[in-house]
Amino acid sequence: MILKGSVYKTGENINTDVIMPGRWCHLTDDKELAKHCMEDLDIDFHKKIKVGDIIVADDNFGCGSSREVAPLSIKAVGISAVVAKSFARIFYRNAINIGLPIFESPECADATEAGDRLEIDMFGGKIKNITKGKDFAFAPFPPFMKTIIDKGGLKGWVLEKLGKA
């Protein structure tokens, strides 16, 4: 599967409180979550994002609490993927569990700027910065994680398994 989008660039240590401020964690509707995604970092974030755009971040993206609404809000606003130098482990797993593709590529994060266009071969382990004509690698997902992402997250995976039971 190939993802293409424009880059929204962030810095390091973007915590889950910044991704989805605690005052909005009671929300369950995707449209409402999307309105508040990253608002403490950029109040107009949800207005700037087009469906398919990609967040590129420095180290430790998603640090802080284990709040599941953080990756949910990123997915709800229309972001197709997050590329970072590194992720907080609980955020990484929460993102996979809800079907939000995330990729660790320090080289891509260093060489990519806001507005660049990226093309990500999700299962091939390659990121192309179309704007700059540069290619980067990342470790592809293991087969079980590919399946979870392909099904849109754990919920989709479980529903499919139950349907076959």
C-alpha atoms as a PDB file:
ATOM      1  CA  MET A   1       0.000   0.000   0.000  1.00  0.00           C
ATOM      2  CA  ILE A   2       1.327   3.435  -0.981  1.00  0.00           C
ATOM      3  CA  LEU A   3       0.537   6.588   1.027  1.00  0.00           C
ATOM      4  CA  LYS A   4       1.075  10.060  -0.442  1.00  0.00           C
ATOM      5  CA  GLY A   5       0.713  13.399   1.276  1.00  0.00           C
ATOM      6  CA  SER A   6       2.121  16.768   2.214  1.00  0.00           C
ATOM      7  CA  VAL A   7       4.213  17.101   5.341  1.00  0.00           C
ATOM      8  CA  TYR A   8       3.224  18.840   8.549  1.00  0.00           C
ATOM      9  CA  LYS A   9       6.476  19.052  10.537  1.00  0.00           C
ATOM     10  CA  THR A  10       6.721  18.991  14.336  1.00  0.00           C
ATOM     11  CA  GLY A  11       9.594  18.977  16.800  1.00  0.00           C
ATOM     12  CA  GLU A  12      10.698  16.563  19.492  1.00  0.00           C
ATOM     13  CA  ASN A  13       8.917  15.300  22.594  1.00  0.00           C
ATOM     14  CA  ILE A  14       5.427  15.961  21.248  1.00  0.00           C
ATOM     15  CA  ASN A  15       3.408  14.478  24.075  1.00  0.00           C
ATOM     16  CA  THR A  16      -0.082  13.075  24.108  1.00  0.00           C
ATOM     17  CA  ASP A  17      -1.299  16.118  26.068  1.00  0.00           C
ATOM     18  CA  VAL A  18      -0.293  18.287  23.110  1.00  0.00           C
ATOM     19  CA  ILE A  19      -1.711  15.872  20.545  1.00  0.00           C
ATOM     20  CA  MET A  20      -5.069  15.688  22.371  1.00  0.00           C
ATOM     21  CA  PRO A  21      -5.402  18.090  25.306  1.00  0.00           C
ATOM     22  CA  GLY A  22      -6.888  16.513  28.425  1.00  0.00           C
ATOM     23  CA  ARG A  23      -9.840  18.891  28.433  1.00  0.00           C
ATOM     24  CA  TRP A  24     -11.117  17.121  25.292  1.00  0.00           C
ATOM     25  CA  CYS A  25     -10.435  13.487  26.190  1.00  0.00           C
ATOM     26  CA  HIS A  26     -14.111  12.874  26.957  1.00  0.00           C
ATOM     27  CA  LEU A  27     -14.997  13.292  23.265  1.00  0.00           C
ATOM     28  CA  THR A  28     -15.873  10.172  21.279  1.00  0.00           C
ATOM     29  CA  ASP A  29     -17.030  11.610  17.953  1.00  0.00           C
ATOM     30  CA  ASP A  30     -14.288  11.607  15.278  1.00  0.00           C
ATOM     31  CA  LYS A  31     -15.314  15.021  13.919  1.00  0.00           C
ATOM     32  CA  GLU A  32     -15.055  16.579  17.375  1.00  0.00           C
ATOM     33  CA  LEU A  33     -11.734  14.858  18.107  1.00  0.00           C
ATOM     34  CA  ALA A  34     -10.362  16.163  14.809  1.00  0.00           C
ATOM     35  CA  LYS A  35     -11.215  19.770  15.735  1.00  0.00           C
ATOM     36  CA  HIS A  36      -8.988  19.610  18.805  1.00  0.00           C
ATOM     37  CA  CYS A  37      -6.075  17.541  17.505  1.00  0.00           C
ATOM     38  CA  MET A  38      -2.768  19.345  18.181  1.00  0.00           C
ATOM     39  CA  GLU A  39      -4.588  22.585  19.069  1.00  0.00           C
ATOM     40  CA  ASP A  40      -2.154  23.445  21.888  1.00  0.00           C
ATOM     41  CA  LEU A  41       0.703  23.267  19.372  1.00  0.00           C
ATOM     42  CA  ASP A  42      -1.164  24.920  16.487  1.00  0.00           C
ATOM     43  CA  ILE A  43      -4.722  26.181  17.010  1.00  0.00           C
ATOM     44  CA  ASP A  44      -5.385  25.928  13.251  1.00  0.00           C
ATOM     45  CA  PHE A  45      -3.902  22.440  12.817  1.00  0.00           C
ATOM     46  CA  HIS A  46      -7.232  20.852  11.860  1.00  0.00           C
ATOM     47  CA  LYS A  47      -7.842  23.588   9.270  1.00  0.00           C
ATOM     48  CA  LYS A  48      -4.401  23.183   7.661  1.00  0.00           C
ATOM     49  CA  ILE A  49      -4.558  19.422   7.244  1.00  0.00           C
ATOM     50  CA  LYS A  50      -5.840  17.798   4.082  1.00  0.00           C
ATOM     51  CA  VAL A  51      -6.888  14.160   4.118  1.00  0.00           C
ATOM     52  CA  GLY A  52      -3.800  12.082   3.438  1.00  0.00           C
ATOM     53  CA  ASP A  53      -1.258  14.520   4.875  1.00  0.00           C
ATOM     54  CA  ILE A  54       1.659  13.135   6.878  1.00  0.00           C
ATOM     55  CA  ILE A  55       3.143  14.303  10.175  1.00  0.00           C
ATOM     56  CA  VAL A  56       6.945  14.219  10.321  1.00  0.00           C
ATOM     57  CA  ALA A  57       8.441  14.590  13.798  1.00  0.00           C
ATOM     58  CA  ASP A  58      11.708  14.442  15.663  1.00  0.00           C
ATOM     59  CA  ASP A  59      12.437  12.156  18.642  1.00  0.00           C
ATOM     60  CA  ASN A  60       9.947  10.738  21.128  1.00  0.00           C
ATOM     61  CA  PHE A  61       6.679  11.521  19.358  1.00  0.00           C
ATOM     62  CA  GLY A  62       3.685  10.562  21.512  1.00  0.00           C
ATOM     63  CA  CYS A  63       5.444  10.609  24.866  1.00  0.00           C
ATOM     64  CA  GLY A  64       3.492  11.189  28.064  1.00  0.00           C
ATOM     65  CA  SER A  65       0.327   9.368  29.007  1.00  0.00           C
ATOM     66  CA  SER A  66      -1.151   6.284  27.402  1.00  0.00           C
ATOM     67  CA  ARG A  67      -4.201   8.201  26.185  1.00  0.00           C
ATOM     68  CA  GLU A  68      -5.652   6.330  23.250  1.00  0.00           C
ATOM     69  CA  VAL A  69      -7.471   9.413  21.964  1.00  0.00           C
ATOM     70  CA  ALA A  70      -4.141  10.915  20.861  1.00  0.00           C
ATOM     71  CA  PRO A  71      -3.627   8.604  17.846  1.00  0.00           C
ATOM     72  CA  LEU A  72      -7.409   8.480  17.336  1.00  0.00           C
ATOM     73  CA  SER A  73      -7.502  12.271  16.916  1.00  0.00           C
ATOM     74  CA  ILE A  74      -4.595  12.163  14.437  1.00  0.00           C
ATOM     75  CA  LYS A  75      -6.420   9.570  12.375  1.00  0.00           C
ATOM     76  CA  ALA A  76      -9.718  11.470  12.708  1.00  0.00           C
ATOM     77  CA  VAL A  77      -8.232  14.723  11.369  1.00  0.00           C
ATOM     78  CA  GLY A  78      -7.185  12.881   8.195  1.00  0.00           C
ATOM     79  CA  ILE A  79      -3.475  12.265   8.725  1.00  0.00           C
ATOM     80  CA  SER A  80      -2.530   9.117   6.798  1.00  0.00           C
ATOM     81  CA  ALA A  81       0.744   8.401   8.635  1.00  0.00           C
ATOM     82  CA  VAL A  82       3.323   9.693  11.088  1.00  0.00           C
ATOM     83  CA  VAL A  83       7.049   9.477  10.407  1.00  0.00           C
ATOM     84  CA  ALA A  84       9.400  10.241  13.300  1.00  0.00           C
ATOM     85  CA  LYS A  85      12.937   9.706  14.501  1.00  0.00           C
ATOM     86  CA  SER A  86      11.416   7.705  17.366  1.00  0.00           C
ATOM     87  CA  PHE A  87       8.097   7.099  19.129  1.00  0.00           C
ATOM     88  CA  ALA A  88       7.115   6.559  22.722  1.00  0.00           C
ATOM     89  CA  ARG A  89       6.416   2.827  22.921  1.00  0.00           C
ATOM     90  CA  ILE A  90       2.848   3.081  24.271  1.00  0.00           C
ATOM     91  CA  PHE A  91       1.917   5.600  21.562  1.00  0.00           C
ATOM     92  CA  TYR A  92       3.460   3.309  18.946  1.00  0.00           C
ATOM     93  CA  ARG A  93       1.321   0.398  20.063  1.00  0.00           C
ATOM     94  CA  ASN A  94      -1.837   2.508  20.444  1.00  0.00           C
ATOM     95  CA  ALA A  95      -1.353   3.824  16.894  1.00  0.00           C
ATOM     96  CA  ILE A  96      -1.013   0.319  15.467  1.00  0.00           C
ATOM     97  CA  ASN A  97      -4.020  -0.839  17.501  1.00  0.00           C
ATOM     98  CA  ILE A  98      -6.243   1.810  15.869  1.00  0.00           C
ATOM     99  CA  GLY A  99      -4.738   1.335  12.402  1.00  0.00           C
ATOM    100  CA  LEU A 100      -2.681   4.544  12.196  1.00  0.00           C
ATOM    101  CA  PRO A 101       0.506   3.742  10.237  1.00  0.00           C
ATOM    102  CA  ILE A 102       3.647   5.077  11.904  1.00  0.00           C
ATOM    103  CA  PHE A 103       7.224   4.745  10.717  1.00  0.00           C
ATOM    104  CA  GLU A 104      10.606   5.342  12.348  1.00  0.00           C
ATOM    105  CA  SER A 105      13.093   6.971   9.985  1.00  0.00           C
ATOM    106  CA  PRO A 106      15.556   9.421  11.551  1.00  0.00           C
ATOM    107  CA  GLU A 107      17.068  10.187   8.140  1.00  0.00           C
ATOM    108  CA  CYS A 108      13.694  11.122   6.661  1.00  0.00           C
ATOM    109  CA  ALA A 109      12.802  13.261   9.676  1.00  0.00           C
ATOM    110  CA  ASP A 110      16.100  15.155   9.383  1.00  0.00           C
ATOM    111  CA  ALA A 111      15.868  15.729   5.619  1.00  0.00           C
ATOM    112  CA  THR A 112      12.168  16.615   5.369  1.00  0.00           C
ATOM    113  CA  GLU A 113      10.602  20.042   5.711  1.00  0.00           C
ATOM    114  CA  ALA A 114       7.046  21.275   6.127  1.00  0.00           C
ATOM    115  CA  GLY A 115       5.222  21.204   2.813  1.00  0.00           C
ATOM    116  CA  ASP A 116       7.397  18.514   1.223  1.00  0.00           C
ATOM    117  CA  ARG A 117       5.475  15.697  -0.480  1.00  0.00           C
ATOM    118  CA  LEU A 118       6.165  12.157   0.678  1.00  0.00           C
ATOM    119  CA  GLU A 119       5.327   8.784  -0.790  1.00  0.00           C
ATOM    120  CA  ILE A 120       5.442   5.878   1.659  1.00  0.00           C
ATOM    121  CA  ASP A 121       5.525   2.247   0.591  1.00  0.00           C
ATOM    122  CA  MET A 122       3.978   0.985   3.830  1.00  0.00           C
ATOM    123  CA  PHE A 123       4.952  -2.625   3.471  1.00  0.00           C
ATOM    124  CA  GLY A 124       8.057  -2.190   1.331  1.00  0.00           C
ATOM    125  CA  GLY A 125      10.013  -0.164   3.887  1.00  0.00           C
ATOM    126  CA  LYS A 126      10.637   2.866   1.672  1.00  0.00           C
ATOM    127  CA  ILE A 127       9.839   6.566   1.938  1.00  0.00           C
ATOM    128  CA  LYS A 128      10.411   8.884  -1.006  1.00  0.00           C
ATOM    129  CA  ASN A 129      10.576  12.631  -0.529  1.00  0.00           C
ATOM    130  CA  ILE A 130       9.092  13.562  -3.893  1.00  0.00           C
ATOM    131  CA  THR A 131       9.914  17.249  -3.399  1.00  0.00           C
ATOM    132  CA  LYS A 132      13.623  16.642  -2.829  1.00  0.00           C
ATOM    133  CA  GLY A 133      14.077  13.420  -4.790  1.00  0.00           C
ATOM    134  CA  LYS A 134      15.493  11.564  -1.796  1.00  0.00           C
ATOM    135  CA  ASP A 135      14.741   8.024  -0.626  1.00  0.00           C
ATOM    136  CA  PHE A 136      14.761   6.690   2.921  1.00  0.00           C
ATOM    137  CA  ALA A 137      14.301   3.295   4.515  1.00  0.00           C
ATOM    138  CA  PHE A 138      12.461   2.084   7.580  1.00  0.00           C
ATOM    139  CA  ALA A 139      12.008  -1.350   9.134  1.00  0.00           C
ATOM    140  CA  PRO A 140       8.837  -2.858   7.647  1.00  0.00           C
ATOM    141  CA  PHE A 141       6.126  -4.104   9.987  1.00  0.00           C
ATOM    142  CA  PRO A 142       6.115  -7.764  10.968  1.00  0.00           C
ATOM    143  CA  PRO A 143       3.316  -9.774   9.297  1.00  0.00           C
ATOM    144  CA  PHE A 144       0.909  -9.665  12.270  1.00  0.00           C
ATOM    145  CA  MET A 145       1.175  -5.866  12.473  1.00  0.00           C
ATOM    146  CA  LYS A 146       0.657  -5.555   8.712  1.00  0.00           C
ATOM    147  CA  THR A 147      -2.564  -7.496   9.116  1.00  0.00           C
ATOM    148  CA  ILE A 148      -3.784  -5.273  11.968  1.00  0.00           C
ATOM    149  CA  ILE A 149      -3.070  -2.090   9.978  1.00  0.00           C
ATOM    150  CA  ASP A 150      -4.623  -3.566   6.840  1.00  0.00           C
ATOM    151  CA  LYS A 151      -7.836  -4.237   8.797  1.00  0.00           C
ATOM    152  CA  GLY A 152      -7.954  -0.644  10.104  1.00  0.00           C
ATOM    153  CA  GLY A 153      -6.810  -1.619  13.599  1.00  0.00           C
ATOM    154  CA  LEU A 154      -7.445  -4.286  16.202  1.00  0.00           C
ATOM    155  CA  LYS A 155     -11.202  -3.766  16.095  1.00  0.00           C
ATOM    156  CA  GLY A 156     -11.346  -4.585  12.381  1.00  0.00           C
ATOM    157  CA  TRP A 157      -8.992  -7.521  12.860  1.00  0.00           C
ATOM    158  CA  VAL A 158     -11.101  -8.959  15.714  1.00  0.00           C
ATOM    159  CA  LEU A 159     -14.355  -8.437  13.821  1.00  0.00           C
ATOM    160  CA  GLU A 160     -12.942 -10.332  10.865  1.00  0.00           C
ATOM    161  CA  LYS A 161     -11.751 -13.169  13.130  1.00  0.00           C
ATOM    162  CA  LEU A 162     -15.160 -13.370  14.810  1.00  0.00           C
ATOM    163  CA  GLY A 163     -16.850 -13.487  11.433  1.00  0.00           C
ATOM    164  CA  LYS A 164     -14.742 -16.506  10.507  1.00  0.00           C
ATOM    165  CA  ALA A 165     -15.318 -18.250  13.859  1.00  0.00           C
END
